[in-house]
C-alpha atoms as a PDB file:
ATOM      1  CA  THR A   1      -3.821 -14.386  18.044  1.00  0.00           C
ATOM      2  CA  GLY A   2      -5.770 -12.383  15.498  1.00  0.00           C
ATOM      3  CA  ASP A   3      -3.246  -9.544  15.731  1.00  0.00           C
ATOM      4  CA  ILE A   4      -2.231  -7.872  12.488  1.00  0.00           C
ATOM      5  CA  TYR A   5       1.327  -6.657  12.049  1.00  0.00           C
ATOM      6  CA  PRO A   6       2.575  -4.500   9.181  1.00  0.00           C
ATOM      7  CA  THR A   7       5.048  -6.219   6.892  1.00  0.00           C
ATOM      8  CA  ASN A   8       7.014  -5.320   3.798  1.00  0.00           C
ATOM      9  CA  VAL A   9       5.412  -8.218   1.887  1.00  0.00           C
ATOM     10  CA  ALA A  10       3.542  -7.149  -1.234  1.00  0.00           C
ATOM     11  CA  CYS A  11       0.900  -8.807  -3.357  1.00  0.00           C
ATOM     12  CA  ARG A  12       2.349 -10.903  -6.148  1.00  0.00           C
ATOM     13  CA  LEU A  13       0.651  -8.598  -8.668  1.00  0.00           C
ATOM     14  CA  LEU A  14       2.300  -5.440  -7.359  1.00  0.00           C
ATOM     15  CA  ASP A  15       4.800  -3.990  -9.797  1.00  0.00           C
ATOM     16  CA  ARG A  16       7.330  -3.042  -7.162  1.00  0.00           C
ATOM     17  CA  GLY A  17       8.937  -0.484  -9.467  1.00  0.00           C
ATOM     18  CA  THR A  18       5.829   1.534 -10.243  1.00  0.00           C
ATOM     19  CA  GLY A  19       3.762   0.709  -7.161  1.00  0.00           C
ATOM     20  CA  GLN A  20       0.840  -0.248  -9.378  1.00  0.00           C
ATOM     21  CA  CYS A  21      -1.019  -3.491  -9.913  1.00  0.00           C
ATOM     22  CA  SER A  22       0.465  -5.381 -12.849  1.00  0.00           C
ATOM     23  CA  ASP A  23      -2.907  -6.880 -13.834  1.00  0.00           C
ATOM     24  CA  TYR A  24      -5.473  -4.428 -12.503  1.00  0.00           C
ATOM     25  CA  ARG A  25      -8.224  -5.517 -14.874  1.00  0.00           C
ATOM     26  CA  ASN A  26      -8.006  -9.181 -13.797  1.00  0.00           C
ATOM     27  CA  ARG A  27      -6.828  -8.745 -10.198  1.00  0.00           C
ATOM     28  CA  PHE A  28      -9.903 -10.313  -8.574  1.00  0.00           C
ATOM     29  CA  ALA A  29      -9.607 -13.428 -10.731  1.00  0.00           C
ATOM     30  CA  GLN A  30      -5.893 -13.767  -9.980  1.00  0.00           C
ATOM     31  CA  VAL A  31      -6.065 -12.793  -6.305  1.00  0.00           C
ATOM     32  CA  PRO A  32      -9.463 -13.845  -4.916  1.00  0.00           C
ATOM     33  CA  ASP A  33      -8.941 -11.995  -1.622  1.00  0.00           C
ATOM     34  CA  CYS A  34      -8.022  -8.733  -3.350  1.00  0.00           C
ATOM     35  CA  ILE A  35     -10.038  -5.907  -1.794  1.00  0.00           C
ATOM     36  CA  ARG A  36     -11.776  -3.145  -3.706  1.00  0.00           C
ATOM     37  CA  LEU A  37     -11.110  -0.156  -1.476  1.00  0.00           C
ATOM     38  CA  THR A  38     -13.930   2.262  -0.796  1.00  0.00           C
ATOM     39  CA  LEU A  39     -14.423   4.837   1.939  1.00  0.00           C
ATOM     40  CA  ALA A  40     -17.288   2.715   3.277  1.00  0.00           C
ATOM     41  CA  LYS A  41     -14.976  -0.260   3.896  1.00  0.00           C
ATOM     42  CA  LEU A  42     -12.346   1.639   5.884  1.00  0.00           C
ATOM     43  CA  ASP A  43     -13.897   0.969   9.291  1.00  0.00           C
ATOM     44  CA  ASN A  44     -13.006  -2.695   8.841  1.00  0.00           C
ATOM     45  CA  LEU A  45      -9.550  -2.156   7.341  1.00  0.00           C
ATOM     46  CA  ASP A  46      -7.412  -0.865  10.190  1.00  0.00           C
ATOM     47  CA  TRP A  47      -4.218  -2.260   8.672  1.00  0.00           C
ATOM     48  CA  LEU A  48      -3.864   0.362   5.928  1.00  0.00           C
ATOM     49  CA  PRO A  49      -0.952   2.801   6.293  1.00  0.00           C
ATOM     50  CA  PRO A  50      -1.726   6.362   7.418  1.00  0.00           C
ATOM     51  CA  THR A  51      -0.409   7.675   4.086  1.00  0.00           C
ATOM     52  CA  CYS A  52      -3.130   5.772   2.172  1.00  0.00           C
ATOM     53  CA  ALA A  53      -5.281   8.222   0.199  1.00  0.00           C
ATOM     54  CA  TYR A  54      -8.471   6.483   1.302  1.00  0.00           C
ATOM     55  CA  VAL A  55      -7.455   6.737   4.963  1.00  0.00           C
ATOM     56  CA  ARG A  56      -6.551  10.411   4.605  1.00  0.00           C
ATOM     57  CA  ARG A  57      -9.811  11.258   2.847  1.00  0.00           C
ATOM     58  CA  ALA A  58     -11.875   9.364   5.428  1.00  0.00           C
ATOM     59  CA  LYS A  59     -10.237  11.507   8.129  1.00  0.00           C
ATOM     60  CA  GLY A  60     -11.032  14.655   6.167  1.00  0.00           C
ATOM     61  CA  GLU A  61      -7.367  15.226   5.378  1.00  0.00           C
ATOM     62  CA  ALA A  62      -6.214  16.609   2.051  1.00  0.00           C
ATOM     63  CA  LEU A  63      -4.052  14.521  -0.213  1.00  0.00           C
ATOM     64  CA  PRO A  64      -0.398  15.553   0.038  1.00  0.00           C
ATOM     65  CA  ASP A  65       1.240  17.496  -2.764  1.00  0.00           C
ATOM     66  CA  TRP A  66       3.242  14.426  -3.852  1.00  0.00           C
ATOM     67  CA  HIS A  67       0.100  12.381  -4.568  1.00  0.00           C
ATOM     68  CA  TYR A  68      -0.505  11.643  -8.246  1.00  0.00           C
ATOM     69  CA  LEU A  69      -4.080  12.963  -8.094  1.00  0.00           C
ATOM     70  CA  VAL A  70      -2.699  16.316  -6.905  1.00  0.00           C
ATOM     71  CA  CYS A  71       0.548  16.733  -8.858  1.00  0.00           C
ATOM     72  CA  GLY A  72      -0.175  14.579 -11.935  1.00  0.00           C
ATOM     73  CA  ASP A  73       3.295  13.029 -11.782  1.00  0.00           C
ATOM     74  CA  ARG A  74       3.471   9.302 -10.988  1.00  0.00           C
ATOM     75  CA  GLU A  75       7.178   9.552 -10.105  1.00  0.00           C
ATOM     76  CA  GLU A  76       6.858  12.297  -7.478  1.00  0.00           C
ATOM     77  CA  ILE A  77       5.760   9.870  -4.761  1.00  0.00           C
ATOM     78  CA  HIS A  78       8.931   7.864  -5.380  1.00  0.00           C
ATOM     79  CA  ARG A  79      11.223  10.914  -5.464  1.00  0.00           C
ATOM     80  CA  ARG A  80       9.830  11.981  -2.091  1.00  0.00           C
ATOM     81  CA  GLY A  81      10.408   8.552  -0.543  1.00  0.00           C
ATOM     82  CA  MET A  82       6.713   8.090   0.182  1.00  0.00           C
ATOM     83  CA  SER A  83       6.184   4.926  -1.858  1.00  0.00           C
ATOM     84  CA  THR A  84       7.070   1.310  -1.260  1.00  0.00           C
ATOM     85  CA  ARG A  85       9.561   1.239  -4.142  1.00  0.00           C
ATOM     86  CA  GLY A  86      12.682  -0.617  -3.071  1.00  0.00           C
ATOM     87  CA  TRP A  87      11.052  -1.446   0.258  1.00  0.00           C
ATOM     88  CA  THR A  88       8.905  -4.503  -0.421  1.00  0.00           C
ATOM     89  CA  VAL A  89       9.383  -8.148  -1.262  1.00  0.00           C
ATOM     90  CA  SER A  90       6.904 -10.143  -3.326  1.00  0.00           C
ATOM     91  CA  GLU A  91       4.748 -12.641  -1.454  1.00  0.00           C
ATOM     92  CA  ILE A  92       6.133 -15.230  -3.890  1.00  0.00           C
ATOM     93  CA  ASP A  93       9.653 -14.762  -2.511  1.00  0.00           C
ATOM     94  CA  ALA A  94       8.943 -13.705   1.070  1.00  0.00           C
ATOM     95  CA  GLY A  95       8.812 -16.961   2.979  1.00  0.00           C
ATOM     96  CA  ASP A  96       7.692 -16.645   6.605  1.00  0.00           C
ATOM     97  CA  LEU A  97       5.781 -13.418   7.221  1.00  0.00           C
ATOM     98  CA  GLU A  98       7.154 -13.066  10.736  1.00  0.00           C
ATOM     99  CA  ASN A  99      10.539 -12.376   9.125  1.00  0.00           C
ATOM    100  CA  HIS A 100       9.099  -9.303   7.399  1.00  0.00           C
ATOM    101  CA  ILE A 101       7.393  -7.401  10.221  1.00  0.00           C
ATOM    102  CA  VAL A 102       8.206  -3.692  10.072  1.00  0.00           C
ATOM    103  CA  GLU A 103       8.057  -0.954  12.689  1.00  0.00           C
ATOM    104  CA  ARG A 104       6.630   1.702  10.383  1.00  0.00           C
ATOM    105  CA  TRP A 105       5.358   2.339   6.883  1.00  0.00           C
ATOM    106  CA  PRO A 106       7.245   4.309   4.235  1.00  0.00           C
ATOM    107  CA  GLY A 107       6.421   7.972   4.690  1.00  0.00           C
ATOM    108  CA  GLU A 108       5.757   7.718   8.419  1.00  0.00           C
ATOM    109  CA  ASP A 109       7.945   9.613  10.819  1.00  0.00           C
ATOM    110  CA  ALA A 110      10.488   7.406  12.529  1.00  0.00           C
END
Protein backbone atom coordinates (compact mmCIF):
# COMPACT_ATOMS: atom_id res chain seq x y z
CA THR A 1 0.00 0.00 0.00
CA GLY A 2 2.98 2.28 0.43
CA ASP A 3 1.91 3.10 3.99
CA ILE A 4 4.64 3.26 6.61
CA TYR A 5 3.92 2.07 10.13
CA PRO A 6 6.20 2.54 13.12
CA THR A 7 7.64 -0.66 14.52
CA ASN A 8 9.94 -1.64 17.35
CA VAL A 9 12.32 -3.33 14.88
CA ALA A 10 15.85 -1.94 14.94
CA CYS A 11 18.73 -2.07 12.51
CA ARG A 12 20.97 -5.07 13.04
CA LEU A 13 23.84 -2.69 13.83
CA LEU A 14 22.02 -0.92 16.65
CA ASP A 15 23.52 -1.66 20.04
CA ARG A 16 20.20 -1.93 21.83
CA GLY A 17 21.84 -1.25 25.19
CA THR A 18 23.50 2.03 24.30
CA GLY A 19 21.24 3.13 21.44
CA GLN A 20 24.28 3.69 19.25
CA CYS A 21 25.44 2.12 16.02
CA SER A 22 27.80 -0.76 16.74
CA ASP A 23 29.82 -0.15 13.56
CA TYR A 24 29.31 3.53 12.79
CA ARG A 25 32.44 3.86 10.68
CA ASN A 26 31.43 1.02 8.33
CA ARG A 27 27.64 1.30 8.54
CA PHE A 28 27.09 2.14 4.86
CA ALA A 29 29.11 -0.87 3.74
CA GLN A 30 27.25 -3.18 6.12
CA VAL A 31 23.79 -1.67 5.63
CA PRO A 32 23.56 -0.27 2.08
CA ASP A 33 20.22 1.46 2.75
CA CYS A 34 21.51 3.21 5.87
CA ILE A 35 20.60 6.89 5.68
CA ARG A 36 22.90 9.77 6.57
CA LEU A 37 20.51 12.13 8.31
CA THR A 38 20.69 15.82 7.49
CA LEU A 39 18.19 18.62 7.98
CA ALA A 40 17.86 18.85 4.20
CA LYS A 41 16.61 15.25 3.95
CA LEU A 42 13.86 15.56 6.56
CA ASP A 43 11.13 16.53 4.10
CA ASN A 44 11.36 13.03 2.65
CA LEU A 45 11.69 11.17 5.96
CA ASP A 46 8.29 11.44 7.61
CA TRP A 47 8.76 8.20 9.54
CA LEU A 48 11.20 9.59 12.12
CA PRO A 49 9.89 9.89 15.69
CA PRO A 50 8.98 13.36 16.99
CA THR A 51 11.71 13.04 19.64
CA CYS A 52 14.42 12.80 16.95
CA ALA A 53 16.91 15.65 17.34
CA TYR A 54 16.90 16.33 13.61
CA VAL A 55 13.10 16.58 13.57
CA ARG A 56 13.07 18.90 16.58
CA ARG A 57 15.75 21.17 15.12
CA ALA A 58 13.98 21.32 11.74
CA LYS A 59 10.86 22.53 13.57
CA GLY A 60 12.90 25.15 15.41
CA GLU A 61 12.49 23.32 18.71
CA ALA A 62 15.26 23.16 21.28
CA LEU A 63 16.78 19.85 22.21
CA PRO A 64 15.38 18.57 25.51
CA ASP A 65 17.48 18.67 28.65
CA TRP A 66 17.96 14.87 28.56
CA HIS A 67 19.66 14.97 25.15
CA TYR A 68 23.36 14.10 25.20
CA LEU A 69 24.31 17.26 23.29
CA VAL A 70 22.67 19.31 26.06
CA CYS A 71 23.50 17.40 29.26
CA GLY A 72 26.70 15.58 28.20
CA ASP A 73 25.50 12.35 29.81
CA ARG A 74 24.78 9.44 27.47
CA GLU A 75 22.77 7.62 30.16
CA GLU A 76 20.32 10.44 30.91
CA ILE A 77 18.13 9.63 27.90
CA HIS A 78 17.77 6.08 29.21
CA ARG A 79 17.07 7.14 32.81
CA ARG A 80 14.28 9.39 31.54
CA GLY A 81 12.70 6.61 29.48
CA MET A 82 13.18 8.53 26.24
CA SER A 83 15.35 5.98 24.45
CA THR A 84 14.59 2.70 22.75
CA ARG A 85 16.55 0.68 25.32
CA GLY A 86 14.59 -2.43 26.25
CA TRP A 87 11.96 -1.55 23.66
CA THR A 88 13.34 -2.83 20.36
CA VAL A 89 14.07 -6.15 18.71
CA SER A 90 16.85 -6.64 16.18
CA GLU A 91 15.80 -7.03 12.55
CA ILE A 92 17.74 -10.32 12.64
CA ASP A 93 15.32 -11.76 15.21
CA ALA A 94 12.12 -9.89 14.39
CA GLY A 95 10.41 -12.06 11.81
CA ASP A 96 7.31 -10.52 10.22
CA LEU A 97 7.26 -6.74 10.59
CA GLU A 98 3.48 -6.65 10.92
CA ASN A 99 3.94 -8.36 14.30
CA HIS A 100 5.96 -5.39 15.54
CA ILE A 101 3.77 -2.39 14.69
CA VAL A 102 3.58 0.05 17.60
CA GLU A 103 1.08 2.76 18.48
CA ARG A 104 3.66 5.29 19.63
CA TRP A 105 7.37 5.93 19.98
CA PRO A 106 9.25 5.93 23.28
CA GLY A 107 8.99 9.39 24.78
CA GLU A 108 5.66 10.23 23.16
CA ASP A 109 2.66 10.87 25.33
CA ALA A 110 0.29 7.93 25.44
